[in-house]
């Protein structure tokens, strides 16, 4: 690695460790958009930043980078994250889908019935595209006892999924 690249990486590390939220977000986007080779652990650390916007951006960037080592960090954050932080949970969910697909979803599916309805809709739409009847059925079963909203009904009809 050249001295310039090393210096740039060190500068980015400093910003991600001690910059303000806007600087951290801009640096994350810069790393992603410019395909900067960067130690992934610094991005994983930002999943636990005190600012939810930084956490969401870190999850988004990780989803685009697609590094499988990120799954365990995303799963951990999912498990400790309060359901009232729907936007952050959505970003984590999208990252899990983008990086780990159905395998990642299965790990968080036991709590599916307790998720915010917008997250349930996102997953139903995603799994419907797989055309895997067993997977679809397992998630639909997780919604037993709930009344589907209009959007969920449209998603189910569009994908020929029967709500039992």
N, C-alpha and C. Protein backbone atom coordinates (compact mmCIF):
# COMPACT_ATOMS: atom_id res chain seq x y z
N UNK A 1 0.85 -1.17 0.00
CA UNK A 1 0.00 0.00 0.00
C UNK A 1 0.90 1.24 0.00
N UNK A 2 0.57 2.20 -0.81
CA UNK A 2 1.39 3.42 -0.89
C UNK A 2 1.20 4.29 0.34
N UNK A 3 2.13 5.23 0.53
CA UNK A 3 2.03 6.14 1.67
C UNK A 3 0.77 6.98 1.58
N UNK A 4 0.40 7.38 0.36
CA UNK A 4 -0.80 8.19 0.18
C UNK A 4 -2.04 7.40 0.58
N UNK A 5 -2.11 6.14 0.12
CA UNK A 5 -3.26 5.29 0.46
C UNK A 5 -3.31 5.04 1.95
N UNK A 6 -2.16 4.79 2.57
CA UNK A 6 -2.10 4.56 4.01
C UNK A 6 -2.56 5.80 4.76
N UNK A 7 -2.10 6.95 4.32
CA UNK A 7 -2.47 8.22 4.96
C UNK A 7 -3.98 8.46 4.83
N UNK A 8 -4.52 8.18 3.65
CA UNK A 8 -5.96 8.36 3.41
C UNK A 8 -6.76 7.44 4.33
N UNK A 9 -6.33 6.17 4.40
CA UNK A 9 -7.02 5.20 5.26
C UNK A 9 -6.97 5.65 6.71
N UNK A 10 -5.84 6.11 7.16
CA UNK A 10 -5.71 6.59 8.54
C UNK A 10 -6.61 7.78 8.80
N UNK A 11 -6.70 8.68 7.85
CA UNK A 11 -7.59 9.85 7.99
C UNK A 11 -9.04 9.40 8.10
N UNK A 12 -9.44 8.45 7.26
CA UNK A 12 -10.81 7.94 7.30
C UNK A 12 -11.10 7.25 8.63
N UNK A 13 -10.13 6.50 9.14
CA UNK A 13 -10.29 5.84 10.44
C UNK A 13 -10.52 6.86 11.55
N UNK A 14 -9.75 7.93 11.53
CA UNK A 14 -9.87 8.98 12.55
C UNK A 14 -11.26 9.60 12.49
N UNK A 15 -11.73 9.88 11.30
CA UNK A 15 -13.07 10.48 11.15
C UNK A 15 -14.14 9.52 11.68
N UNK A 16 -14.03 8.25 11.32
CA UNK A 16 -15.04 7.28 11.76
C UNK A 16 -15.00 7.05 13.27
N UNK A 17 -13.85 7.20 13.87
CA UNK A 17 -13.73 7.02 15.32
C UNK A 17 -14.14 8.27 16.10
N UNK A 18 -13.81 9.45 15.59
CA UNK A 18 -14.00 10.64 16.43
C UNK A 18 -14.70 11.80 15.74
N UNK A 19 -15.14 11.63 14.52
CA UNK A 19 -15.86 12.71 13.85
C UNK A 19 -17.27 12.85 14.39
N UNK A 20 -17.93 13.92 13.97
CA UNK A 20 -19.33 14.06 14.35
C UNK A 20 -20.18 13.17 13.43
N UNK A 21 -21.46 13.12 13.70
CA UNK A 21 -22.35 12.21 12.96
C UNK A 21 -22.34 12.48 11.46
N UNK A 22 -22.40 13.73 11.07
CA UNK A 22 -22.41 14.07 9.64
C UNK A 22 -21.11 13.64 8.97
N UNK A 23 -19.99 13.86 9.65
CA UNK A 23 -18.70 13.43 9.09
C UNK A 23 -18.64 11.91 8.95
N UNK A 24 -19.15 11.21 9.94
CA UNK A 24 -19.14 9.75 9.88
C UNK A 24 -20.00 9.25 8.72
N UNK A 25 -21.19 9.82 8.58
CA UNK A 25 -22.10 9.41 7.51
C UNK A 25 -21.47 9.69 6.15
N UNK A 26 -20.92 10.88 5.98
CA UNK A 26 -20.29 11.24 4.71
C UNK A 26 -19.10 10.34 4.40
N UNK A 27 -18.34 9.98 5.42
CA UNK A 27 -17.18 9.10 5.23
C UNK A 27 -17.63 7.69 4.84
N UNK A 28 -18.68 7.20 5.47
CA UNK A 28 -19.21 5.89 5.11
C UNK A 28 -19.64 5.85 3.64
N UNK A 29 -20.36 6.87 3.23
CA UNK A 29 -20.83 6.95 1.84
C UNK A 29 -19.63 7.06 0.89
N UNK A 30 -18.65 7.85 1.27
CA UNK A 30 -17.43 8.02 0.47
C UNK A 30 -16.73 6.66 0.28
N UNK A 31 -16.57 5.91 1.35
CA UNK A 31 -15.93 4.60 1.28
C UNK A 31 -16.69 3.68 0.33
N UNK A 32 -18.01 3.69 0.45
CA UNK A 32 -18.84 2.83 -0.40
C UNK A 32 -18.78 3.25 -1.86
N UNK A 33 -19.02 4.52 -2.12
CA UNK A 33 -19.10 5.00 -3.50
C UNK A 33 -17.77 4.91 -4.24
N UNK A 34 -16.68 5.02 -3.52
CA UNK A 34 -15.36 5.01 -4.15
C UNK A 34 -14.65 3.67 -4.03
N UNK A 35 -15.38 2.68 -3.52
CA UNK A 35 -14.85 1.31 -3.42
C UNK A 35 -13.48 1.30 -2.73
N UNK A 36 -13.40 2.03 -1.62
CA UNK A 36 -12.16 2.12 -0.86
C UNK A 36 -11.92 0.80 -0.13
N UNK A 37 -10.75 0.23 -0.29
CA UNK A 37 -10.39 -0.96 0.49
C UNK A 37 -10.14 -0.46 1.91
N UNK A 38 -10.97 -0.94 2.82
CA UNK A 38 -10.98 -0.39 4.16
C UNK A 38 -11.26 -1.50 5.17
N UNK A 39 -10.59 -1.50 6.32
CA UNK A 39 -10.85 -2.55 7.32
C UNK A 39 -12.32 -2.55 7.76
N UNK A 40 -13.00 -3.64 7.51
CA UNK A 40 -14.44 -3.75 7.75
C UNK A 40 -14.80 -3.58 9.21
N UNK A 41 -13.89 -3.89 10.13
CA UNK A 41 -14.20 -3.80 11.56
C UNK A 41 -14.58 -2.37 11.97
N UNK A 42 -14.04 -1.37 11.27
CA UNK A 42 -14.40 0.02 11.59
C UNK A 42 -15.86 0.29 11.23
N UNK A 43 -16.33 -0.36 10.18
CA UNK A 43 -17.73 -0.20 9.78
C UNK A 43 -18.63 -0.96 10.75
N UNK A 44 -18.18 -2.12 11.18
CA UNK A 44 -18.94 -2.90 12.16
C UNK A 44 -19.10 -2.10 13.46
N UNK A 45 -18.04 -1.43 13.87
CA UNK A 45 -18.10 -0.62 15.10
C UNK A 45 -19.19 0.45 15.02
N UNK A 46 -19.40 0.98 13.83
CA UNK A 46 -20.39 2.05 13.69
C UNK A 46 -21.83 1.57 13.79
N UNK A 47 -22.03 0.27 13.74
CA UNK A 47 -23.37 -0.27 13.98
C UNK A 47 -23.80 0.01 15.42
N UNK A 48 -22.83 0.32 16.27
CA UNK A 48 -23.13 0.59 17.69
C UNK A 48 -22.88 2.04 18.05
N UNK A 49 -22.83 2.91 17.06
CA UNK A 49 -22.67 4.34 17.30
C UNK A 49 -23.88 4.85 18.09
N UNK A 50 -23.71 5.95 18.80
CA UNK A 50 -24.81 6.50 19.59
C UNK A 50 -25.88 7.16 18.72
N UNK A 51 -25.56 7.47 17.48
CA UNK A 51 -26.50 8.13 16.57
C UNK A 51 -27.16 7.08 15.66
N UNK A 52 -28.47 7.00 15.71
CA UNK A 52 -29.21 6.02 14.91
C UNK A 52 -29.00 6.22 13.41
N UNK A 53 -28.79 7.48 12.98
CA UNK A 53 -28.55 7.74 11.56
C UNK A 53 -27.21 7.16 11.12
N UNK A 54 -26.21 7.25 11.98
CA UNK A 54 -24.91 6.64 11.68
C UNK A 54 -25.07 5.13 11.62
N UNK A 55 -25.80 4.56 12.57
CA UNK A 55 -26.03 3.11 12.58
C UNK A 55 -26.74 2.68 11.29
N UNK A 56 -27.77 3.41 10.89
CA UNK A 56 -28.52 3.08 9.67
C UNK A 56 -27.62 3.15 8.44
N UNK A 57 -26.81 4.19 8.38
CA UNK A 57 -25.91 4.36 7.23
C UNK A 57 -24.87 3.24 7.21
N UNK A 58 -24.36 2.87 8.37
CA UNK A 58 -23.40 1.77 8.45
C UNK A 58 -24.04 0.48 7.94
N UNK A 59 -25.27 0.20 8.35
CA UNK A 59 -25.98 -1.00 7.88
C UNK A 59 -26.17 -0.94 6.36
N UNK A 60 -26.54 0.22 5.86
CA UNK A 60 -26.74 0.41 4.41
C UNK A 60 -25.44 0.14 3.65
N UNK A 61 -24.35 0.73 4.12
CA UNK A 61 -23.06 0.56 3.45
C UNK A 61 -22.63 -0.90 3.51
N UNK A 62 -22.80 -1.53 4.66
CA UNK A 62 -22.46 -2.95 4.78
C UNK A 62 -23.27 -3.80 3.80
N UNK A 63 -24.55 -3.44 3.61
CA UNK A 63 -25.38 -4.20 2.67
C UNK A 63 -24.83 -4.09 1.25
N UNK A 64 -24.31 -2.94 0.91
CA UNK A 64 -23.76 -2.73 -0.44
C UNK A 64 -22.40 -3.40 -0.61
N UNK A 65 -21.63 -3.47 0.47
CA UNK A 65 -20.32 -4.11 0.40
C UNK A 65 -20.44 -5.63 0.35
N UNK A 66 -21.48 -6.16 1.02
CA UNK A 66 -21.78 -7.59 0.93
C UNK A 66 -20.81 -8.53 1.60
N UNK A 67 -20.08 -8.06 2.57
CA UNK A 67 -19.11 -8.89 3.28
C UNK A 67 -19.84 -9.81 4.26
N UNK A 68 -19.72 -11.11 4.06
CA UNK A 68 -20.44 -12.09 4.90
C UNK A 68 -20.10 -11.98 6.38
N UNK A 69 -18.91 -11.47 6.71
CA UNK A 69 -18.54 -11.34 8.13
C UNK A 69 -19.43 -10.33 8.85
N UNK A 70 -20.13 -9.51 8.10
CA UNK A 70 -21.01 -8.50 8.70
C UNK A 70 -22.29 -9.09 9.27
N UNK A 71 -22.67 -10.27 8.81
CA UNK A 71 -23.95 -10.87 9.22
C UNK A 71 -24.04 -11.00 10.73
N UNK A 72 -23.01 -11.51 11.37
CA UNK A 72 -23.10 -11.71 12.83
C UNK A 72 -23.27 -10.39 13.57
N UNK A 73 -22.67 -9.32 13.09
CA UNK A 73 -22.81 -8.01 13.73
C UNK A 73 -24.22 -7.46 13.51
N UNK A 74 -24.74 -7.66 12.31
CA UNK A 74 -26.10 -7.21 12.01
C UNK A 74 -27.13 -8.00 12.82
N UNK A 75 -26.93 -9.30 12.92
CA UNK A 75 -27.84 -10.13 13.72
C UNK A 75 -27.82 -9.72 15.19
N UNK A 76 -26.64 -9.43 15.69
CA UNK A 76 -26.52 -9.01 17.08
C UNK A 76 -27.24 -7.68 17.30
N UNK A 77 -27.03 -6.73 16.41
CA UNK A 77 -27.70 -5.44 16.55
C UNK A 77 -29.22 -5.61 16.46
N UNK A 78 -29.67 -6.46 15.54
CA UNK A 78 -31.10 -6.73 15.41
C UNK A 78 -31.67 -7.21 16.75
N UNK A 79 -30.95 -8.12 17.40
CA UNK A 79 -31.46 -8.72 18.62
C UNK A 79 -31.53 -7.75 19.80
N UNK A 80 -30.71 -6.74 19.80
CA UNK A 80 -30.72 -5.78 20.92
C UNK A 80 -31.49 -4.51 20.60
N UNK A 81 -31.90 -4.35 19.36
CA UNK A 81 -32.55 -3.11 18.92
C UNK A 81 -34.03 -3.09 19.30
N UNK A 82 -34.46 -1.99 19.85
CA UNK A 82 -35.84 -1.78 20.23
C UNK A 82 -36.71 -1.67 18.98
N UNK A 83 -37.91 -2.22 19.03
CA UNK A 83 -38.81 -2.20 17.87
C UNK A 83 -39.26 -0.80 17.49
N UNK A 84 -39.10 0.18 18.36
CA UNK A 84 -39.55 1.54 18.01
C UNK A 84 -38.62 2.20 16.99
N UNK A 85 -37.44 1.63 16.76
CA UNK A 85 -36.49 2.18 15.79
C UNK A 85 -36.68 1.48 14.45
N UNK A 86 -37.84 1.70 13.85
CA UNK A 86 -38.24 0.98 12.64
C UNK A 86 -37.30 1.24 11.47
N UNK A 87 -36.88 2.50 11.28
CA UNK A 87 -36.00 2.79 10.14
C UNK A 87 -34.68 2.03 10.27
N UNK A 88 -34.10 2.04 11.45
CA UNK A 88 -32.84 1.31 11.66
C UNK A 88 -33.05 -0.19 11.48
N UNK A 89 -34.14 -0.70 12.02
CA UNK A 89 -34.40 -2.14 11.86
C UNK A 89 -34.59 -2.49 10.39
N UNK A 90 -35.21 -1.59 9.64
CA UNK A 90 -35.40 -1.81 8.20
C UNK A 90 -34.04 -1.89 7.49
N UNK A 91 -33.13 -0.99 7.85
CA UNK A 91 -31.80 -1.01 7.22
C UNK A 91 -31.05 -2.28 7.57
N UNK A 92 -31.18 -2.70 8.81
CA UNK A 92 -30.53 -3.95 9.24
C UNK A 92 -31.13 -5.13 8.46
N UNK A 93 -32.45 -5.14 8.36
CA UNK A 93 -33.15 -6.21 7.66
C UNK A 93 -32.73 -6.27 6.19
N UNK A 94 -32.67 -5.12 5.54
CA UNK A 94 -32.25 -5.08 4.13
C UNK A 94 -30.82 -5.58 4.00
N UNK A 95 -29.95 -5.17 4.92
CA UNK A 95 -28.56 -5.63 4.88
C UNK A 95 -28.49 -7.15 5.04
N UNK A 96 -29.27 -7.67 5.97
CA UNK A 96 -29.29 -9.13 6.18
C UNK A 96 -29.77 -9.86 4.93
N UNK A 97 -30.79 -9.33 4.29
CA UNK A 97 -31.31 -9.93 3.05
C UNK A 97 -30.25 -9.84 1.95
N UNK A 98 -29.66 -8.65 1.78
CA UNK A 98 -28.67 -8.45 0.72
C UNK A 98 -27.45 -9.33 0.89
N UNK A 99 -27.01 -9.49 2.13
CA UNK A 99 -25.77 -10.24 2.37
C UNK A 99 -26.04 -11.74 2.57
N UNK A 100 -27.04 -12.07 3.35
CA UNK A 100 -27.24 -13.48 3.72
C UNK A 100 -28.49 -14.14 3.20
N UNK A 101 -29.39 -13.37 2.59
CA UNK A 101 -30.60 -13.95 2.02
C UNK A 101 -31.47 -14.68 3.03
N UNK A 102 -32.11 -15.74 2.57
CA UNK A 102 -33.05 -16.51 3.38
C UNK A 102 -32.38 -17.06 4.64
N UNK A 103 -31.14 -17.47 4.52
CA UNK A 103 -30.42 -18.05 5.66
C UNK A 103 -30.39 -17.05 6.83
N UNK A 104 -30.14 -15.79 6.54
CA UNK A 104 -30.14 -14.77 7.60
C UNK A 104 -31.55 -14.52 8.13
N UNK A 105 -32.52 -14.52 7.25
CA UNK A 105 -33.90 -14.29 7.68
C UNK A 105 -34.39 -15.38 8.62
N UNK A 106 -33.99 -16.60 8.36
CA UNK A 106 -34.40 -17.71 9.22
C UNK A 106 -33.93 -17.51 10.65
N UNK A 107 -32.77 -16.87 10.81
CA UNK A 107 -32.22 -16.66 12.15
C UNK A 107 -33.01 -15.66 12.97
N UNK A 108 -33.73 -14.77 12.31
CA UNK A 108 -34.52 -13.77 13.05
C UNK A 108 -36.02 -14.02 12.94
N UNK A 109 -36.40 -15.06 12.24
CA UNK A 109 -37.83 -15.32 12.01
C UNK A 109 -38.64 -15.68 13.25
N UNK A 110 -38.06 -16.25 14.31
CA UNK A 110 -38.90 -16.58 15.47
C UNK A 110 -39.67 -15.39 16.05
N UNK A 111 -39.15 -14.20 15.88
CA UNK A 111 -39.84 -13.02 16.42
C UNK A 111 -40.68 -12.30 15.37
N UNK A 112 -40.86 -12.93 14.21
CA UNK A 112 -41.53 -12.29 13.07
C UNK A 112 -42.88 -11.68 13.42
N UNK A 113 -43.68 -12.35 14.22
CA UNK A 113 -45.02 -11.85 14.53
C UNK A 113 -44.99 -10.57 15.37
N UNK A 114 -43.86 -10.27 15.97
CA UNK A 114 -43.74 -9.07 16.82
C UNK A 114 -43.10 -7.89 16.08
N UNK A 115 -42.74 -8.08 14.83
CA UNK A 115 -42.11 -7.01 14.07
C UNK A 115 -43.12 -5.94 13.69
N UNK A 116 -42.62 -4.77 13.38
CA UNK A 116 -43.47 -3.71 12.83
C UNK A 116 -44.01 -4.21 11.50
N UNK A 117 -45.24 -3.87 11.19
CA UNK A 117 -45.90 -4.38 9.98
C UNK A 117 -45.12 -4.03 8.71
N UNK A 118 -44.47 -2.88 8.66
CA UNK A 118 -43.71 -2.51 7.45
C UNK A 118 -42.54 -3.47 7.22
N UNK A 119 -41.97 -3.99 8.31
CA UNK A 119 -40.88 -4.96 8.19
C UNK A 119 -41.42 -6.32 7.75
N UNK A 120 -42.59 -6.66 8.27
CA UNK A 120 -43.23 -7.91 7.85
C UNK A 120 -43.54 -7.85 6.35
N UNK A 121 -44.04 -6.72 5.89
CA UNK A 121 -44.37 -6.57 4.47
C UNK A 121 -43.12 -6.71 3.60
N UNK A 122 -42.03 -6.11 4.03
CA UNK A 122 -40.77 -6.19 3.30
C UNK A 122 -40.32 -7.65 3.15
N UNK A 123 -40.40 -8.40 4.23
CA UNK A 123 -39.97 -9.80 4.20
C UNK A 123 -40.91 -10.64 3.34
N UNK A 124 -42.20 -10.44 3.50
CA UNK A 124 -43.15 -11.22 2.69
C UNK A 124 -42.91 -10.96 1.21
N UNK A 125 -42.69 -9.71 0.86
CA UNK A 125 -42.42 -9.38 -0.54
C UNK A 125 -41.13 -10.06 -1.02
N UNK A 126 -40.11 -10.05 -0.20
CA UNK A 126 -38.84 -10.68 -0.56
C UNK A 126 -38.99 -12.20 -0.71
N UNK A 127 -39.58 -12.83 0.30
CA UNK A 127 -39.66 -14.30 0.23
C UNK A 127 -40.61 -14.77 -0.87
N UNK A 128 -41.58 -13.94 -1.22
CA UNK A 128 -42.49 -14.31 -2.31
C UNK A 128 -41.71 -14.47 -3.62
N UNK A 129 -40.67 -13.67 -3.78
CA UNK A 129 -39.85 -13.75 -5.01
C UNK A 129 -39.05 -15.05 -5.08
N UNK A 130 -38.83 -15.68 -3.94
CA UNK A 130 -38.06 -16.93 -3.94
C UNK A 130 -38.88 -18.09 -4.48
N UNK A 131 -40.18 -17.97 -4.41
CA UNK A 131 -41.11 -19.03 -4.85
C UNK A 131 -40.92 -20.32 -4.06
N UNK A 132 -40.29 -20.23 -2.91
CA UNK A 132 -40.04 -21.39 -2.06
C UNK A 132 -41.22 -21.53 -1.10
N UNK A 133 -42.09 -22.48 -1.41
CA UNK A 133 -43.34 -22.66 -0.65
C UNK A 133 -43.09 -22.91 0.84
N UNK A 134 -42.05 -23.67 1.16
CA UNK A 134 -41.76 -23.99 2.56
C UNK A 134 -41.39 -22.72 3.33
N UNK A 135 -40.55 -21.90 2.76
CA UNK A 135 -40.13 -20.66 3.41
C UNK A 135 -41.33 -19.71 3.54
N UNK A 136 -42.06 -19.56 2.46
CA UNK A 136 -43.24 -18.68 2.48
C UNK A 136 -44.21 -19.12 3.57
N UNK A 137 -44.48 -20.41 3.60
CA UNK A 137 -45.42 -20.95 4.59
C UNK A 137 -44.94 -20.70 6.02
N UNK A 138 -43.64 -20.86 6.25
CA UNK A 138 -43.14 -20.67 7.62
C UNK A 138 -43.31 -19.22 8.08
N UNK A 139 -43.13 -18.27 7.19
CA UNK A 139 -43.32 -16.87 7.58
C UNK A 139 -44.80 -16.52 7.71
N UNK A 140 -45.62 -17.02 6.81
CA UNK A 140 -47.06 -16.76 6.89
C UNK A 140 -47.62 -17.36 8.18
N UNK A 141 -47.15 -18.55 8.54
CA UNK A 141 -47.57 -19.19 9.78
C UNK A 141 -47.23 -18.31 10.97
N UNK A 142 -46.12 -17.61 10.89
CA UNK A 142 -45.71 -16.70 11.97
C UNK A 142 -46.65 -15.53 12.16
N UNK A 143 -47.54 -15.33 11.20
CA UNK A 143 -48.49 -14.21 11.29
C UNK A 143 -49.89 -14.66 11.71
N UNK A 144 -50.05 -15.93 12.00
CA UNK A 144 -51.38 -16.42 12.43
C UNK A 144 -51.90 -15.59 13.59
N UNK A 145 -53.16 -15.33 13.53
CA UNK A 145 -53.79 -14.55 14.59
C UNK A 145 -53.77 -13.05 14.33
N UNK A 146 -53.00 -12.62 13.34
CA UNK A 146 -52.97 -11.21 12.98
C UNK A 146 -53.88 -10.98 11.79
N UNK A 147 -54.45 -9.80 11.74
CA UNK A 147 -55.28 -9.45 10.60
C UNK A 147 -54.41 -8.67 9.61
N UNK A 148 -54.32 -9.14 8.37
CA UNK A 148 -53.46 -8.44 7.40
C UNK A 148 -54.04 -7.06 7.05
N UNK A 149 -53.15 -6.08 6.91
CA UNK A 149 -53.60 -4.76 6.49
C UNK A 149 -53.75 -4.74 4.96
N UNK A 150 -54.22 -3.62 4.41
CA UNK A 150 -54.49 -3.55 2.97
C UNK A 150 -53.23 -3.78 2.14
N UNK A 151 -52.12 -3.20 2.57
CA UNK A 151 -50.88 -3.37 1.80
C UNK A 151 -50.45 -4.83 1.81
N UNK A 152 -50.53 -5.47 2.96
CA UNK A 152 -50.14 -6.87 3.04
C UNK A 152 -51.04 -7.72 2.15
N UNK A 153 -52.32 -7.43 2.14
CA UNK A 153 -53.26 -8.17 1.28
C UNK A 153 -52.86 -8.02 -0.18
N UNK A 154 -52.48 -6.80 -0.59
CA UNK A 154 -52.05 -6.58 -1.97
C UNK A 154 -50.77 -7.36 -2.29
N UNK A 155 -49.83 -7.37 -1.37
CA UNK A 155 -48.58 -8.11 -1.57
C UNK A 155 -48.88 -9.59 -1.72
N UNK A 156 -49.74 -10.11 -0.85
CA UNK A 156 -50.08 -11.52 -0.90
C UNK A 156 -50.79 -11.88 -2.21
N UNK A 157 -51.77 -11.06 -2.60
CA UNK A 157 -52.50 -11.32 -3.85
C UNK A 157 -51.59 -11.25 -5.05
N UNK A 158 -50.74 -10.21 -5.09
CA UNK A 158 -49.82 -10.03 -6.22
C UNK A 158 -48.91 -11.24 -6.41
N UNK A 159 -48.59 -11.89 -5.31
CA UNK A 159 -47.66 -13.02 -5.36
C UNK A 159 -48.36 -14.38 -5.21
N UNK A 160 -49.69 -14.36 -5.33
CA UNK A 160 -50.49 -15.59 -5.24
C UNK A 160 -50.21 -16.39 -3.98
N UNK A 161 -50.13 -15.68 -2.86
CA UNK A 161 -49.91 -16.32 -1.57
C UNK A 161 -51.24 -16.30 -0.81
N UNK A 162 -51.59 -17.44 -0.28
CA UNK A 162 -52.85 -17.56 0.45
C UNK A 162 -52.58 -17.40 1.94
N UNK A 163 -53.32 -16.50 2.56
CA UNK A 163 -53.24 -16.27 4.01
C UNK A 163 -54.13 -17.30 4.67
N UNK A 164 -53.58 -18.17 5.48
CA UNK A 164 -54.37 -19.24 6.07
C UNK A 164 -54.78 -18.90 7.47
